[in-house]
Amino acid sequence: VRGCMVIKPYGYAIWEKMQSVLDKM
């Protein structure tokens, strides 16, 4: 899909960590 990305497992693992910390904050 033009302009859209696939976030791969390693990248998503970093985002999940960000999400988890921010969610707690």
PDBML (XML) file of the C-alpha atoms, coordinates in Angstrom:
<?xml version="1.0" encoding="UTF-8" ?>
<PDBx:datablock datablockName="MODEL"
   xmlns:PDBx="http://pdbml.pdb.org/schema/pdbx-v50.xsd"
   xmlns:xsi="http://www.w3.org/2001/XMLSchema-instance"
   xsi:schemaLocation="http://pdbml.pdb.org/schema/pdbx-v50.xsd pdbx-v50.xsd">
   <PDBx:atom_siteCategory>
      <PDBx:atom_site id="1">
         <PDBx:B_iso_or_equiv>0.00</PDBx:B_iso_or_equiv>
         <PDBx:Cartn_x>0.000</PDBx:Cartn_x>
         <PDBx:Cartn_y>0.000</PDBx:Cartn_y>
         <PDBx:Cartn_z>0.000</PDBx:Cartn_z>
         <PDBx:auth_asym_id>A</PDBx:auth_asym_id>
         <PDBx:auth_atom_id>CA</PDBx:auth_atom_id>
         <PDBx:auth_comp_id>VAL</PDBx:auth_comp_id>
         <PDBx:auth_seq_id>1</PDBx:auth_seq_id>
         <PDBx:group_PDB>ATOM</PDBx:group_PDB>
         <PDBx:label_alt_id xsi:nil="true" />
         <PDBx:label_asym_id>A</PDBx:label_asym_id>
         <PDBx:label_atom_id>CA</PDBx:label_atom_id>
         <PDBx:label_comp_id>VAL</PDBx:label_comp_id>
         <PDBx:label_entity_id>1</PDBx:label_entity_id>
         <PDBx:label_seq_id>1</PDBx:label_seq_id>
         <PDBx:occupancy>1.00</PDBx:occupancy>
         <PDBx:pdbx_PDB_model_num>1</PDBx:pdbx_PDB_model_num>
         <PDBx:type_symbol>C</PDBx:type_symbol>
      </PDBx:atom_site>
      <PDBx:atom_site id="2">
         <PDBx:B_iso_or_equiv>0.00</PDBx:B_iso_or_equiv>
         <PDBx:Cartn_x>1.679</PDBx:Cartn_x>
         <PDBx:Cartn_y>3.205</PDBx:Cartn_y>
         <PDBx:Cartn_z>-1.130</PDBx:Cartn_z>
         <PDBx:auth_asym_id>A</PDBx:auth_asym_id>
         <PDBx:auth_atom_id>CA</PDBx:auth_atom_id>
         <PDBx:auth_comp_id>ARG</PDBx:auth_comp_id>
         <PDBx:auth_seq_id>2</PDBx:auth_seq_id>
         <PDBx:group_PDB>ATOM</PDBx:group_PDB>
         <PDBx:label_alt_id xsi:nil="true" />
         <PDBx:label_asym_id>A</PDBx:label_asym_id>
         <PDBx:label_atom_id>CA</PDBx:label_atom_id>
         <PDBx:label_comp_id>ARG</PDBx:label_comp_id>
         <PDBx:label_entity_id>1</PDBx:label_entity_id>
         <PDBx:label_seq_id>2</PDBx:label_seq_id>
         <PDBx:occupancy>1.00</PDBx:occupancy>
         <PDBx:pdbx_PDB_model_num>1</PDBx:pdbx_PDB_model_num>
         <PDBx:type_symbol>C</PDBx:type_symbol>
      </PDBx:atom_site>
      <PDBx:atom_site id="3">
         <PDBx:B_iso_or_equiv>0.00</PDBx:B_iso_or_equiv>
         <PDBx:Cartn_x>2.878</PDBx:Cartn_x>
         <PDBx:Cartn_y>5.279</PDBx:Cartn_y>
         <PDBx:Cartn_z>1.789</PDBx:Cartn_z>
         <PDBx:auth_asym_id>A</PDBx:auth_asym_id>
         <PDBx:auth_atom_id>CA</PDBx:auth_atom_id>
         <PDBx:auth_comp_id>GLY</PDBx:auth_comp_id>
         <PDBx:auth_seq_id>3</PDBx:auth_seq_id>
         <PDBx:group_PDB>ATOM</PDBx:group_PDB>
         <PDBx:label_alt_id xsi:nil="true" />
         <PDBx:label_asym_id>A</PDBx:label_asym_id>
         <PDBx:label_atom_id>CA</PDBx:label_atom_id>
         <PDBx:label_comp_id>GLY</PDBx:label_comp_id>
         <PDBx:label_entity_id>1</PDBx:label_entity_id>
         <PDBx:label_seq_id>3</PDBx:label_seq_id>
         <PDBx:occupancy>1.00</PDBx:occupancy>
         <PDBx:pdbx_PDB_model_num>1</PDBx:pdbx_PDB_model_num>
         <PDBx:type_symbol>C</PDBx:type_symbol>
      </PDBx:atom_site>
      <PDBx:atom_site id="4">
         <PDBx:B_iso_or_equiv>0.00</PDBx:B_iso_or_equiv>
         <PDBx:Cartn_x>2.129</PDBx:Cartn_x>
         <PDBx:Cartn_y>2.609</PDBx:Cartn_y>
         <PDBx:Cartn_z>4.404</PDBx:Cartn_z>
         <PDBx:auth_asym_id>A</PDBx:auth_asym_id>
         <PDBx:auth_atom_id>CA</PDBx:auth_atom_id>
         <PDBx:auth_comp_id>CYS</PDBx:auth_comp_id>
         <PDBx:auth_seq_id>4</PDBx:auth_seq_id>
         <PDBx:group_PDB>ATOM</PDBx:group_PDB>
         <PDBx:label_alt_id xsi:nil="true" />
         <PDBx:label_asym_id>A</PDBx:label_asym_id>
         <PDBx:label_atom_id>CA</PDBx:label_atom_id>
         <PDBx:label_comp_id>CYS</PDBx:label_comp_id>
         <PDBx:label_entity_id>1</PDBx:label_entity_id>
         <PDBx:label_seq_id>4</PDBx:label_seq_id>
         <PDBx:occupancy>1.00</PDBx:occupancy>
         <PDBx:pdbx_PDB_model_num>1</PDBx:pdbx_PDB_model_num>
         <PDBx:type_symbol>C</PDBx:type_symbol>
      </PDBx:atom_site>
      <PDBx:atom_site id="5">
         <PDBx:B_iso_or_equiv>0.00</PDBx:B_iso_or_equiv>
         <PDBx:Cartn_x>4.668</PDBx:Cartn_x>
         <PDBx:Cartn_y>0.522</PDBx:Cartn_y>
         <PDBx:Cartn_z>6.301</PDBx:Cartn_z>
         <PDBx:auth_asym_id>A</PDBx:auth_asym_id>
         <PDBx:auth_atom_id>CA</PDBx:auth_atom_id>
         <PDBx:auth_comp_id>MET</PDBx:auth_comp_id>
         <PDBx:auth_seq_id>5</PDBx:auth_seq_id>
         <PDBx:group_PDB>ATOM</PDBx:group_PDB>
         <PDBx:label_alt_id xsi:nil="true" />
         <PDBx:label_asym_id>A</PDBx:label_asym_id>
         <PDBx:label_atom_id>CA</PDBx:label_atom_id>
         <PDBx:label_comp_id>MET</PDBx:label_comp_id>
         <PDBx:label_entity_id>1</PDBx:label_entity_id>
         <PDBx:label_seq_id>5</PDBx:label_seq_id>
         <PDBx:occupancy>1.00</PDBx:occupancy>
         <PDBx:pdbx_PDB_model_num>1</PDBx:pdbx_PDB_model_num>
         <PDBx:type_symbol>C</PDBx:type_symbol>
      </PDBx:atom_site>
      <PDBx:atom_site id="6">
         <PDBx:B_iso_or_equiv>0.00</PDBx:B_iso_or_equiv>
         <PDBx:Cartn_x>4.971</PDBx:Cartn_x>
         <PDBx:Cartn_y>-2.944</PDBx:Cartn_y>
         <PDBx:Cartn_z>7.762</PDBx:Cartn_z>
         <PDBx:auth_asym_id>A</PDBx:auth_asym_id>
         <PDBx:auth_atom_id>CA</PDBx:auth_atom_id>
         <PDBx:auth_comp_id>VAL</PDBx:auth_comp_id>
         <PDBx:auth_seq_id>6</PDBx:auth_seq_id>
         <PDBx:group_PDB>ATOM</PDBx:group_PDB>
         <PDBx:label_alt_id xsi:nil="true" />
         <PDBx:label_asym_id>A</PDBx:label_asym_id>
         <PDBx:label_atom_id>CA</PDBx:label_atom_id>
         <PDBx:label_comp_id>VAL</PDBx:label_comp_id>
         <PDBx:label_entity_id>1</PDBx:label_entity_id>
         <PDBx:label_seq_id>6</PDBx:label_seq_id>
         <PDBx:occupancy>1.00</PDBx:occupancy>
         <PDBx:pdbx_PDB_model_num>1</PDBx:pdbx_PDB_model_num>
         <PDBx:type_symbol>C</PDBx:type_symbol>
      </PDBx:atom_site>
      <PDBx:atom_site id="7">
         <PDBx:B_iso_or_equiv>0.00</PDBx:B_iso_or_equiv>
         <PDBx:Cartn_x>6.453</PDBx:Cartn_x>
         <PDBx:Cartn_y>-2.743</PDBx:Cartn_y>
         <PDBx:Cartn_z>11.251</PDBx:Cartn_z>
         <PDBx:auth_asym_id>A</PDBx:auth_asym_id>
         <PDBx:auth_atom_id>CA</PDBx:auth_atom_id>
         <PDBx:auth_comp_id>ILE</PDBx:auth_comp_id>
         <PDBx:auth_seq_id>7</PDBx:auth_seq_id>
         <PDBx:group_PDB>ATOM</PDBx:group_PDB>
         <PDBx:label_alt_id xsi:nil="true" />
         <PDBx:label_asym_id>A</PDBx:label_asym_id>
         <PDBx:label_atom_id>CA</PDBx:label_atom_id>
         <PDBx:label_comp_id>ILE</PDBx:label_comp_id>
         <PDBx:label_entity_id>1</PDBx:label_entity_id>
         <PDBx:label_seq_id>7</PDBx:label_seq_id>
         <PDBx:occupancy>1.00</PDBx:occupancy>
         <PDBx:pdbx_PDB_model_num>1</PDBx:pdbx_PDB_model_num>
         <PDBx:type_symbol>C</PDBx:type_symbol>
      </PDBx:atom_site>
      <PDBx:atom_site id="8">
         <PDBx:B_iso_or_equiv>0.00</PDBx:B_iso_or_equiv>
         <PDBx:Cartn_x>8.480</PDBx:Cartn_x>
         <PDBx:Cartn_y>-5.936</PDBx:Cartn_y>
         <PDBx:Cartn_z>11.625</PDBx:Cartn_z>
         <PDBx:auth_asym_id>A</PDBx:auth_asym_id>
         <PDBx:auth_atom_id>CA</PDBx:auth_atom_id>
         <PDBx:auth_comp_id>LYS</PDBx:auth_comp_id>
         <PDBx:auth_seq_id>8</PDBx:auth_seq_id>
         <PDBx:group_PDB>ATOM</PDBx:group_PDB>
         <PDBx:label_alt_id xsi:nil="true" />
         <PDBx:label_asym_id>A</PDBx:label_asym_id>
         <PDBx:label_atom_id>CA</PDBx:label_atom_id>
         <PDBx:label_comp_id>LYS</PDBx:label_comp_id>
         <PDBx:label_entity_id>1</PDBx:label_entity_id>
         <PDBx:label_seq_id>8</PDBx:label_seq_id>
         <PDBx:occupancy>1.00</PDBx:occupancy>
         <PDBx:pdbx_PDB_model_num>1</PDBx:pdbx_PDB_model_num>
         <PDBx:type_symbol>C</PDBx:type_symbol>
      </PDBx:atom_site>
      <PDBx:atom_site id="9">
         <PDBx:B_iso_or_equiv>0.00</PDBx:B_iso_or_equiv>
         <PDBx:Cartn_x>8.703</PDBx:Cartn_x>
         <PDBx:Cartn_y>-7.925</PDBx:Cartn_y>
         <PDBx:Cartn_z>14.888</PDBx:Cartn_z>
         <PDBx:auth_asym_id>A</PDBx:auth_asym_id>
         <PDBx:auth_atom_id>CA</PDBx:auth_atom_id>
         <PDBx:auth_comp_id>PRO</PDBx:auth_comp_id>
         <PDBx:auth_seq_id>9</PDBx:auth_seq_id>
         <PDBx:group_PDB>ATOM</PDBx:group_PDB>
         <PDBx:label_alt_id xsi:nil="true" />
         <PDBx:label_asym_id>A</PDBx:label_asym_id>
         <PDBx:label_atom_id>CA</PDBx:label_atom_id>
         <PDBx:label_comp_id>PRO</PDBx:label_comp_id>
         <PDBx:label_entity_id>1</PDBx:label_entity_id>
         <PDBx:label_seq_id>9</PDBx:label_seq_id>
         <PDBx:occupancy>1.00</PDBx:occupancy>
         <PDBx:pdbx_PDB_model_num>1</PDBx:pdbx_PDB_model_num>
         <PDBx:type_symbol>C</PDBx:type_symbol>
      </PDBx:atom_site>
      <PDBx:atom_site id="10">
         <PDBx:B_iso_or_equiv>0.00</PDBx:B_iso_or_equiv>
         <PDBx:Cartn_x>11.979</PDBx:Cartn_x>
         <PDBx:Cartn_y>-6.351</PDBx:Cartn_y>
         <PDBx:Cartn_z>16.071</PDBx:Cartn_z>
         <PDBx:auth_asym_id>A</PDBx:auth_asym_id>
         <PDBx:auth_atom_id>CA</PDBx:auth_atom_id>
         <PDBx:auth_comp_id>TYR</PDBx:auth_comp_id>
         <PDBx:auth_seq_id>10</PDBx:auth_seq_id>
         <PDBx:group_PDB>ATOM</PDBx:group_PDB>
         <PDBx:label_alt_id xsi:nil="true" />
         <PDBx:label_asym_id>A</PDBx:label_asym_id>
         <PDBx:label_atom_id>CA</PDBx:label_atom_id>
         <PDBx:label_comp_id>TYR</PDBx:label_comp_id>
         <PDBx:label_entity_id>1</PDBx:label_entity_id>
         <PDBx:label_seq_id>10</PDBx:label_seq_id>
         <PDBx:occupancy>1.00</PDBx:occupancy>
         <PDBx:pdbx_PDB_model_num>1</PDBx:pdbx_PDB_model_num>
         <PDBx:type_symbol>C</PDBx:type_symbol>
      </PDBx:atom_site>
      <PDBx:atom_site id="11">
         <PDBx:B_iso_or_equiv>0.00</PDBx:B_iso_or_equiv>
         <PDBx:Cartn_x>10.691</PDBx:Cartn_x>
         <PDBx:Cartn_y>-2.838</PDBx:Cartn_y>
         <PDBx:Cartn_z>15.407</PDBx:Cartn_z>
         <PDBx:auth_asym_id>A</PDBx:auth_asym_id>
         <PDBx:auth_atom_id>CA</PDBx:auth_atom_id>
         <PDBx:auth_comp_id>GLY</PDBx:auth_comp_id>
         <PDBx:auth_seq_id>11</PDBx:auth_seq_id>
         <PDBx:group_PDB>ATOM</PDBx:group_PDB>
         <PDBx:label_alt_id xsi:nil="true" />
         <PDBx:label_asym_id>A</PDBx:label_asym_id>
         <PDBx:label_atom_id>CA</PDBx:label_atom_id>
         <PDBx:label_comp_id>GLY</PDBx:label_comp_id>
         <PDBx:label_entity_id>1</PDBx:label_entity_id>
         <PDBx:label_seq_id>11</PDBx:label_seq_id>
         <PDBx:occupancy>1.00</PDBx:occupancy>
         <PDBx:pdbx_PDB_model_num>1</PDBx:pdbx_PDB_model_num>
         <PDBx:type_symbol>C</PDBx:type_symbol>
      </PDBx:atom_site>
      <PDBx:atom_site id="12">
         <PDBx:B_iso_or_equiv>0.00</PDBx:B_iso_or_equiv>
         <PDBx:Cartn_x>7.342</PDBx:Cartn_x>
         <PDBx:Cartn_y>-3.618</PDBx:Cartn_y>
         <PDBx:Cartn_z>16.982</PDBx:Cartn_z>
         <PDBx:auth_asym_id>A</PDBx:auth_asym_id>
         <PDBx:auth_atom_id>CA</PDBx:auth_atom_id>
         <PDBx:auth_comp_id>TYR</PDBx:auth_comp_id>
         <PDBx:auth_seq_id>12</PDBx:auth_seq_id>
         <PDBx:group_PDB>ATOM</PDBx:group_PDB>
         <PDBx:label_alt_id xsi:nil="true" />
         <PDBx:label_asym_id>A</PDBx:label_asym_id>
         <PDBx:label_atom_id>CA</PDBx:label_atom_id>
         <PDBx:label_comp_id>TYR</PDBx:label_comp_id>
         <PDBx:label_entity_id>1</PDBx:label_entity_id>
         <PDBx:label_seq_id>12</PDBx:label_seq_id>
         <PDBx:occupancy>1.00</PDBx:occupancy>
         <PDBx:pdbx_PDB_model_num>1</PDBx:pdbx_PDB_model_num>
         <PDBx:type_symbol>C</PDBx:type_symbol>
      </PDBx:atom_site>
      <PDBx:atom_site id="13">
         <PDBx:B_iso_or_equiv>0.00</PDBx:B_iso_or_equiv>
         <PDBx:Cartn_x>9.085</PDBx:Cartn_x>
         <PDBx:Cartn_y>-4.997</PDBx:Cartn_y>
         <PDBx:Cartn_z>20.079</PDBx:Cartn_z>
         <PDBx:auth_asym_id>A</PDBx:auth_asym_id>
         <PDBx:auth_atom_id>CA</PDBx:auth_atom_id>
         <PDBx:auth_comp_id>ALA</PDBx:auth_comp_id>
         <PDBx:auth_seq_id>13</PDBx:auth_seq_id>
         <PDBx:group_PDB>ATOM</PDBx:group_PDB>
         <PDBx:label_alt_id xsi:nil="true" />
         <PDBx:label_asym_id>A</PDBx:label_asym_id>
         <PDBx:label_atom_id>CA</PDBx:label_atom_id>
         <PDBx:label_comp_id>ALA</PDBx:label_comp_id>
         <PDBx:label_entity_id>1</PDBx:label_entity_id>
         <PDBx:label_seq_id>13</PDBx:label_seq_id>
         <PDBx:occupancy>1.00</PDBx:occupancy>
         <PDBx:pdbx_PDB_model_num>1</PDBx:pdbx_PDB_model_num>
         <PDBx:type_symbol>C</PDBx:type_symbol>
      </PDBx:atom_site>
      <PDBx:atom_site id="14">
         <PDBx:B_iso_or_equiv>0.00</PDBx:B_iso_or_equiv>
         <PDBx:Cartn_x>10.670</PDBx:Cartn_x>
         <PDBx:Cartn_y>-1.574</PDBx:Cartn_y>
         <PDBx:Cartn_z>20.606</PDBx:Cartn_z>
         <PDBx:auth_asym_id>A</PDBx:auth_asym_id>
         <PDBx:auth_atom_id>CA</PDBx:auth_atom_id>
         <PDBx:auth_comp_id>ILE</PDBx:auth_comp_id>
         <PDBx:auth_seq_id>14</PDBx:auth_seq_id>
         <PDBx:group_PDB>ATOM</PDBx:group_PDB>
         <PDBx:label_alt_id xsi:nil="true" />
         <PDBx:label_asym_id>A</PDBx:label_asym_id>
         <PDBx:label_atom_id>CA</PDBx:label_atom_id>
         <PDBx:label_comp_id>ILE</PDBx:label_comp_id>
         <PDBx:label_entity_id>1</PDBx:label_entity_id>
         <PDBx:label_seq_id>14</PDBx:label_seq_id>
         <PDBx:occupancy>1.00</PDBx:occupancy>
         <PDBx:pdbx_PDB_model_num>1</PDBx:pdbx_PDB_model_num>
         <PDBx:type_symbol>C</PDBx:type_symbol>
      </PDBx:atom_site>
      <PDBx:atom_site id="15">
         <PDBx:B_iso_or_equiv>0.00</PDBx:B_iso_or_equiv>
         <PDBx:Cartn_x>7.310</PDBx:Cartn_x>
         <PDBx:Cartn_y>0.147</PDBx:Cartn_y>
         <PDBx:Cartn_z>20.069</PDBx:Cartn_z>
         <PDBx:auth_asym_id>A</PDBx:auth_asym_id>
         <PDBx:auth_atom_id>CA</PDBx:auth_atom_id>
         <PDBx:auth_comp_id>TRP</PDBx:auth_comp_id>
         <PDBx:auth_seq_id>15</PDBx:auth_seq_id>
         <PDBx:group_PDB>ATOM</PDBx:group_PDB>
         <PDBx:label_alt_id xsi:nil="true" />
         <PDBx:label_asym_id>A</PDBx:label_asym_id>
         <PDBx:label_atom_id>CA</PDBx:label_atom_id>
         <PDBx:label_comp_id>TRP</PDBx:label_comp_id>
         <PDBx:label_entity_id>1</PDBx:label_entity_id>
         <PDBx:label_seq_id>15</PDBx:label_seq_id>
         <PDBx:occupancy>1.00</PDBx:occupancy>
         <PDBx:pdbx_PDB_model_num>1</PDBx:pdbx_PDB_model_num>
         <PDBx:type_symbol>C</PDBx:type_symbol>
      </PDBx:atom_site>
      <PDBx:atom_site id="16">
         <PDBx:B_iso_or_equiv>0.00</PDBx:B_iso_or_equiv>
         <PDBx:Cartn_x>5.691</PDBx:Cartn_x>
         <PDBx:Cartn_y>-2.264</PDBx:Cartn_y>
         <PDBx:Cartn_z>22.547</PDBx:Cartn_z>
         <PDBx:auth_asym_id>A</PDBx:auth_asym_id>
         <PDBx:auth_atom_id>CA</PDBx:auth_atom_id>
         <PDBx:auth_comp_id>GLU</PDBx:auth_comp_id>
         <PDBx:auth_seq_id>16</PDBx:auth_seq_id>
         <PDBx:group_PDB>ATOM</PDBx:group_PDB>
         <PDBx:label_alt_id xsi:nil="true" />
         <PDBx:label_asym_id>A</PDBx:label_asym_id>
         <PDBx:label_atom_id>CA</PDBx:label_atom_id>
         <PDBx:label_comp_id>GLU</PDBx:label_comp_id>
         <PDBx:label_entity_id>1</PDBx:label_entity_id>
         <PDBx:label_seq_id>16</PDBx:label_seq_id>
         <PDBx:occupancy>1.00</PDBx:occupancy>
         <PDBx:pdbx_PDB_model_num>1</PDBx:pdbx_PDB_model_num>
         <PDBx:type_symbol>C</PDBx:type_symbol>
      </PDBx:atom_site>
      <PDBx:atom_site id="17">
         <PDBx:B_iso_or_equiv>0.00</PDBx:B_iso_or_equiv>
         <PDBx:Cartn_x>8.238</PDBx:Cartn_x>
         <PDBx:Cartn_y>-1.262</PDBx:Cartn_y>
         <PDBx:Cartn_z>25.182</PDBx:Cartn_z>
         <PDBx:auth_asym_id>A</PDBx:auth_asym_id>
         <PDBx:auth_atom_id>CA</PDBx:auth_atom_id>
         <PDBx:auth_comp_id>LYS</PDBx:auth_comp_id>
         <PDBx:auth_seq_id>17</PDBx:auth_seq_id>
         <PDBx:group_PDB>ATOM</PDBx:group_PDB>
         <PDBx:label_alt_id xsi:nil="true" />
         <PDBx:label_asym_id>A</PDBx:label_asym_id>
         <PDBx:label_atom_id>CA</PDBx:label_atom_id>
         <PDBx:label_comp_id>LYS</PDBx:label_comp_id>
         <PDBx:label_entity_id>1</PDBx:label_entity_id>
         <PDBx:label_seq_id>17</PDBx:label_seq_id>
         <PDBx:occupancy>1.00</PDBx:occupancy>
         <PDBx:pdbx_PDB_model_num>1</PDBx:pdbx_PDB_model_num>
         <PDBx:type_symbol>C</PDBx:type_symbol>
      </PDBx:atom_site>
      <PDBx:atom_site id="18">
         <PDBx:B_iso_or_equiv>0.00</PDBx:B_iso_or_equiv>
         <PDBx:Cartn_x>7.539</PDBx:Cartn_x>
         <PDBx:Cartn_y>2.415</PDBx:Cartn_y>
         <PDBx:Cartn_z>24.506</PDBx:Cartn_z>
         <PDBx:auth_asym_id>A</PDBx:auth_asym_id>
         <PDBx:auth_atom_id>CA</PDBx:auth_atom_id>
         <PDBx:auth_comp_id>MET</PDBx:auth_comp_id>
         <PDBx:auth_seq_id>18</PDBx:auth_seq_id>
         <PDBx:group_PDB>ATOM</PDBx:group_PDB>
         <PDBx:label_alt_id xsi:nil="true" />
         <PDBx:label_asym_id>A</PDBx:label_asym_id>
         <PDBx:label_atom_id>CA</PDBx:label_atom_id>
         <PDBx:label_comp_id>MET</PDBx:label_comp_id>
         <PDBx:label_entity_id>1</PDBx:label_entity_id>
         <PDBx:label_seq_id>18</PDBx:label_seq_id>
         <PDBx:occupancy>1.00</PDBx:occupancy>
         <PDBx:pdbx_PDB_model_num>1</PDBx:pdbx_PDB_model_num>
         <PDBx:type_symbol>C</PDBx:type_symbol>
      </PDBx:atom_site>
      <PDBx:atom_site id="19">
         <PDBx:B_iso_or_equiv>0.00</PDBx:B_iso_or_equiv>
         <PDBx:Cartn_x>3.812</PDBx:Cartn_x>
         <PDBx:Cartn_y>1.770</PDBx:Cartn_y>
         <PDBx:Cartn_z>24.645</PDBx:Cartn_z>
         <PDBx:auth_asym_id>A</PDBx:auth_asym_id>
         <PDBx:auth_atom_id>CA</PDBx:auth_atom_id>
         <PDBx:auth_comp_id>GLN</PDBx:auth_comp_id>
         <PDBx:auth_seq_id>19</PDBx:auth_seq_id>
         <PDBx:group_PDB>ATOM</PDBx:group_PDB>
         <PDBx:label_alt_id xsi:nil="true" />
         <PDBx:label_asym_id>A</PDBx:label_asym_id>
         <PDBx:label_atom_id>CA</PDBx:label_atom_id>
         <PDBx:label_comp_id>GLN</PDBx:label_comp_id>
         <PDBx:label_entity_id>1</PDBx:label_entity_id>
         <PDBx:label_seq_id>19</PDBx:label_seq_id>
         <PDBx:occupancy>1.00</PDBx:occupancy>
         <PDBx:pdbx_PDB_model_num>1</PDBx:pdbx_PDB_model_num>
         <PDBx:type_symbol>C</PDBx:type_symbol>
      </PDBx:atom_site>
      <PDBx:atom_site id="20">
         <PDBx:B_iso_or_equiv>0.00</PDBx:B_iso_or_equiv>
         <PDBx:Cartn_x>4.048</PDBx:Cartn_x>
         <PDBx:Cartn_y>-0.182</PDBx:Cartn_y>
         <PDBx:Cartn_z>27.894</PDBx:Cartn_z>
         <PDBx:auth_asym_id>A</PDBx:auth_asym_id>
         <PDBx:auth_atom_id>CA</PDBx:auth_atom_id>
         <PDBx:auth_comp_id>SER</PDBx:auth_comp_id>
         <PDBx:auth_seq_id>20</PDBx:auth_seq_id>
         <PDBx:group_PDB>ATOM</PDBx:group_PDB>
         <PDBx:label_alt_id xsi:nil="true" />
         <PDBx:label_asym_id>A</PDBx:label_asym_id>
         <PDBx:label_atom_id>CA</PDBx:label_atom_id>
         <PDBx:label_comp_id>SER</PDBx:label_comp_id>
         <PDBx:label_entity_id>1</PDBx:label_entity_id>
         <PDBx:label_seq_id>20</PDBx:label_seq_id>
         <PDBx:occupancy>1.00</PDBx:occupancy>
         <PDBx:pdbx_PDB_model_num>1</PDBx:pdbx_PDB_model_num>
         <PDBx:type_symbol>C</PDBx:type_symbol>
      </PDBx:atom_site>
      <PDBx:atom_site id="21">
         <PDBx:B_iso_or_equiv>0.00</PDBx:B_iso_or_equiv>
         <PDBx:Cartn_x>6.045</PDBx:Cartn_x>
         <PDBx:Cartn_y>2.510</PDBx:Cartn_y>
         <PDBx:Cartn_z>29.683</PDBx:Cartn_z>
         <PDBx:auth_asym_id>A</PDBx:auth_asym_id>
         <PDBx:auth_atom_id>CA</PDBx:auth_atom_id>
         <PDBx:auth_comp_id>VAL</PDBx:auth_comp_id>
         <PDBx:auth_seq_id>21</PDBx:auth_seq_id>
         <PDBx:group_PDB>ATOM</PDBx:group_PDB>
         <PDBx:label_alt_id xsi:nil="true" />
         <PDBx:label_asym_id>A</PDBx:label_asym_id>
         <PDBx:label_atom_id>CA</PDBx:label_atom_id>
         <PDBx:label_comp_id>VAL</PDBx:label_comp_id>
         <PDBx:label_entity_id>1</PDBx:label_entity_id>
         <PDBx:label_seq_id>21</PDBx:label_seq_id>
         <PDBx:occupancy>1.00</PDBx:occupancy>
         <PDBx:pdbx_PDB_model_num>1</PDBx:pdbx_PDB_model_num>
         <PDBx:type_symbol>C</PDBx:type_symbol>
      </PDBx:atom_site>
      <PDBx:atom_site id="22">
         <PDBx:B_iso_or_equiv>0.00</PDBx:B_iso_or_equiv>
         <PDBx:Cartn_x>3.904</PDBx:Cartn_x>
         <PDBx:Cartn_y>5.386</PDBx:Cartn_y>
         <PDBx:Cartn_z>28.426</PDBx:Cartn_z>
         <PDBx:auth_asym_id>A</PDBx:auth_asym_id>
         <PDBx:auth_atom_id>CA</PDBx:auth_atom_id>
         <PDBx:auth_comp_id>LEU</PDBx:auth_comp_id>
         <PDBx:auth_seq_id>22</PDBx:auth_seq_id>
         <PDBx:group_PDB>ATOM</PDBx:group_PDB>
         <PDBx:label_alt_id xsi:nil="true" />
         <PDBx:label_asym_id>A</PDBx:label_asym_id>
         <PDBx:label_atom_id>CA</PDBx:label_atom_id>
         <PDBx:label_comp_id>LEU</PDBx:label_comp_id>
         <PDBx:label_entity_id>1</PDBx:label_entity_id>
         <PDBx:label_seq_id>22</PDBx:label_seq_id>
         <PDBx:occupancy>1.00</PDBx:occupancy>
         <PDBx:pdbx_PDB_model_num>1</PDBx:pdbx_PDB_model_num>
         <PDBx:type_symbol>C</PDBx:type_symbol>
      </PDBx:atom_site>
      <PDBx:atom_site id="23">
         <PDBx:B_iso_or_equiv>0.00</PDBx:B_iso_or_equiv>
         <PDBx:Cartn_x>0.712</PDBx:Cartn_x>
         <PDBx:Cartn_y>3.516</PDBx:Cartn_y>
         <PDBx:Cartn_z>29.263</PDBx:Cartn_z>
         <PDBx:auth_asym_id>A</PDBx:auth_asym_id>
         <PDBx:auth_atom_id>CA</PDBx:auth_atom_id>
         <PDBx:auth_comp_id>ASP</PDBx:auth_comp_id>
         <PDBx:auth_seq_id>23</PDBx:auth_seq_id>
         <PDBx:group_PDB>ATOM</PDBx:group_PDB>
         <PDBx:label_alt_id xsi:nil="true" />
         <PDBx:label_asym_id>A</PDBx:label_asym_id>
         <PDBx:label_atom_id>CA</PDBx:label_atom_id>
         <PDBx:label_comp_id>ASP</PDBx:label_comp_id>
         <PDBx:label_entity_id>1</PDBx:label_entity_id>
         <PDBx:label_seq_id>23</PDBx:label_seq_id>
         <PDBx:occupancy>1.00</PDBx:occupancy>
         <PDBx:pdbx_PDB_model_num>1</PDBx:pdbx_PDB_model_num>
         <PDBx:type_symbol>C</PDBx:type_symbol>
      </PDBx:atom_site>
      <PDBx:atom_site id="24">
         <PDBx:B_iso_or_equiv>0.00</PDBx:B_iso_or_equiv>
         <PDBx:Cartn_x>1.859</PDBx:Cartn_x>
         <PDBx:Cartn_y>3.157</PDBx:Cartn_y>
         <PDBx:Cartn_z>32.869</PDBx:Cartn_z>
         <PDBx:auth_asym_id>A</PDBx:auth_asym_id>
         <PDBx:auth_atom_id>CA</PDBx:auth_atom_id>
         <PDBx:auth_comp_id>LYS</PDBx:auth_comp_id>
         <PDBx:auth_seq_id>24</PDBx:auth_seq_id>
         <PDBx:group_PDB>ATOM</PDBx:group_PDB>
         <PDBx:label_alt_id xsi:nil="true" />
         <PDBx:label_asym_id>A</PDBx:label_asym_id>
         <PDBx:label_atom_id>CA</PDBx:label_atom_id>
         <PDBx:label_comp_id>LYS</PDBx:label_comp_id>
         <PDBx:label_entity_id>1</PDBx:label_entity_id>
         <PDBx:label_seq_id>24</PDBx:label_seq_id>
         <PDBx:occupancy>1.00</PDBx:occupancy>
         <PDBx:pdbx_PDB_model_num>1</PDBx:pdbx_PDB_model_num>
         <PDBx:type_symbol>C</PDBx:type_symbol>
      </PDBx:atom_site>
      <PDBx:atom_site id="25">
         <PDBx:B_iso_or_equiv>0.00</PDBx:B_iso_or_equiv>
         <PDBx:Cartn_x>2.862</PDBx:Cartn_x>
         <PDBx:Cartn_y>6.831</PDBx:Cartn_y>
         <PDBx:Cartn_z>33.021</PDBx:Cartn_z>
         <PDBx:auth_asym_id>A</PDBx:auth_asym_id>
         <PDBx:auth_atom_id>CA</PDBx:auth_atom_id>
         <PDBx:auth_comp_id>MET</PDBx:auth_comp_id>
         <PDBx:auth_seq_id>25</PDBx:auth_seq_id>
         <PDBx:group_PDB>ATOM</PDBx:group_PDB>
         <PDBx:label_alt_id xsi:nil="true" />
         <PDBx:label_asym_id>A</PDBx:label_asym_id>
         <PDBx:label_atom_id>CA</PDBx:label_atom_id>
         <PDBx:label_comp_id>MET</PDBx:label_comp_id>
         <PDBx:label_entity_id>1</PDBx:label_entity_id>
         <PDBx:label_seq_id>25</PDBx:label_seq_id>
         <PDBx:occupancy>1.00</PDBx:occupancy>
         <PDBx:pdbx_PDB_model_num>1</PDBx:pdbx_PDB_model_num>
         <PDBx:type_symbol>C</PDBx:type_symbol>
      </PDBx:atom_site>
   </PDBx:atom_siteCategory>
</PDBx:datablock>
